[in-house]
Amino acid sequence: MNGLQGIVHMFDQLTTIGLNIGLAAAAFFILLGGFEYMTAGGNPMAMERAKSALKNAAIGFAIILLARALAQLIQSSITGS
């Protein structure tokens, strides 16, 4: 394995680890927001707080997926494949 292949392999491993950690965190916050919404008991403030948490978790999920796509685009442009 030459130097460029090693760097690309390490980059791929790091982005995979980051993706897995980010997706686990996003799933946790989606579950937490859903739990808060279900236990709001009709309290409008609690429901809005839960909706905000769900929205923020969904935005974070989208950012994670876009970051992985961007990393793959950069990797393919560097390696030429």
Protein backbone atom coordinates (compact mmCIF):
# COMPACT_ATOMS: atom_id res chain seq x y z
CA MET A 1 0.00 0.00 0.00
CA ASN A 2 1.54 3.28 -1.05
CA GLY A 3 1.22 6.55 0.86
CA LEU A 4 -1.87 7.86 -0.94
CA GLN A 5 -3.74 4.57 -0.56
CA GLY A 6 -2.93 4.53 3.16
CA ILE A 7 -4.20 8.06 3.63
CA VAL A 8 -7.38 7.33 1.66
CA HIS A 9 -7.96 4.16 3.68
CA MET A 10 -7.49 6.04 6.97
CA PHE A 11 -9.79 8.83 5.76
CA ASP A 12 -12.43 6.25 4.85
CA GLN A 13 -12.15 4.55 8.23
CA LEU A 14 -12.40 7.85 10.12
CA THR A 15 -15.44 9.02 8.15
CA THR A 16 -17.12 5.65 8.74
CA ILE A 17 -16.49 5.90 12.49
CA GLY A 18 -17.75 9.49 12.52
CA LEU A 19 -20.83 8.49 10.56
CA ASN A 20 -21.64 5.67 12.97
CA ILE A 21 -21.20 7.85 16.04
CA GLY A 22 -23.23 10.67 14.50
CA LEU A 23 -26.06 8.39 13.43
CA ALA A 24 -26.21 6.81 16.88
CA ALA A 25 -26.37 10.27 18.48
CA ALA A 26 -29.07 11.42 16.04
CA ALA A 27 -31.12 8.28 16.71
CA PHE A 28 -30.79 8.85 20.46
CA PHE A 29 -31.98 12.45 20.20
CA ILE A 30 -34.88 11.46 17.94
CA LEU A 31 -35.95 8.88 20.53
CA LEU A 32 -35.51 11.41 23.32
CA GLY A 33 -37.61 14.00 21.47
CA GLY A 34 -40.30 11.41 20.78
CA PHE A 35 -40.36 10.40 24.42
CA GLU A 36 -40.63 14.03 25.51
CA TYR A 37 -43.49 14.56 23.06
CA MET A 38 -45.37 11.49 24.27
CA THR A 39 -44.96 12.45 27.92
CA ALA A 40 -45.84 16.12 27.42
CA GLY A 41 -49.35 15.44 28.68
CA GLY A 42 -50.91 18.17 26.58
CA ASN A 43 -48.63 20.87 27.98
CA PRO A 44 -48.08 23.22 25.00
CA MET A 45 -44.63 24.35 26.16
CA ALA A 46 -43.41 20.78 26.63
CA MET A 47 -44.83 19.79 23.24
CA GLU A 48 -43.07 22.69 21.50
CA ARG A 49 -39.81 21.84 23.26
CA ALA A 50 -40.15 18.23 22.08
CA LYS A 51 -40.97 19.32 18.53
CA SER A 52 -37.90 21.54 18.54
CA ALA A 53 -35.75 18.65 19.77
CA LEU A 54 -37.11 16.41 17.01
CA LYS A 55 -36.52 19.07 14.37
CA ASN A 56 -32.96 19.67 15.56
CA ALA A 57 -32.23 15.93 15.59
CA ALA A 58 -33.56 15.59 12.04
CA ILE A 59 -31.40 18.52 10.91
CA GLY A 60 -28.38 16.92 12.59
CA PHE A 61 -29.17 13.63 10.86
CA ALA A 62 -29.29 15.38 7.48
CA ILE A 63 -26.00 17.19 8.18
CA ILE A 64 -24.33 13.88 9.04
CA LEU A 65 -25.49 12.29 5.80
CA LEU A 66 -24.44 15.31 3.74
CA ALA A 67 -21.03 15.36 5.42
CA ARG A 68 -20.51 11.70 4.50
CA ALA A 69 -21.55 12.38 0.90
CA LEU A 70 -19.16 15.33 0.75
CA ALA A 71 -16.34 13.23 2.18
CA GLN A 72 -16.96 10.54 -0.44
CA LEU A 73 -16.97 13.19 -3.17
CA ILE A 74 -13.64 14.58 -1.95
CA GLN A 75 -12.19 11.09 -1.67
CA SER A 76 -13.25 10.16 -5.19
CA SER A 77 -11.84 13.40 -6.59
CA ILE A 78 -8.50 12.78 -4.88
CA THR A 79 -8.20 9.15 -5.96
CA GLY A 80 -9.70 9.72 -9.40
CA SER A 81 -12.12 6.80 -9.10
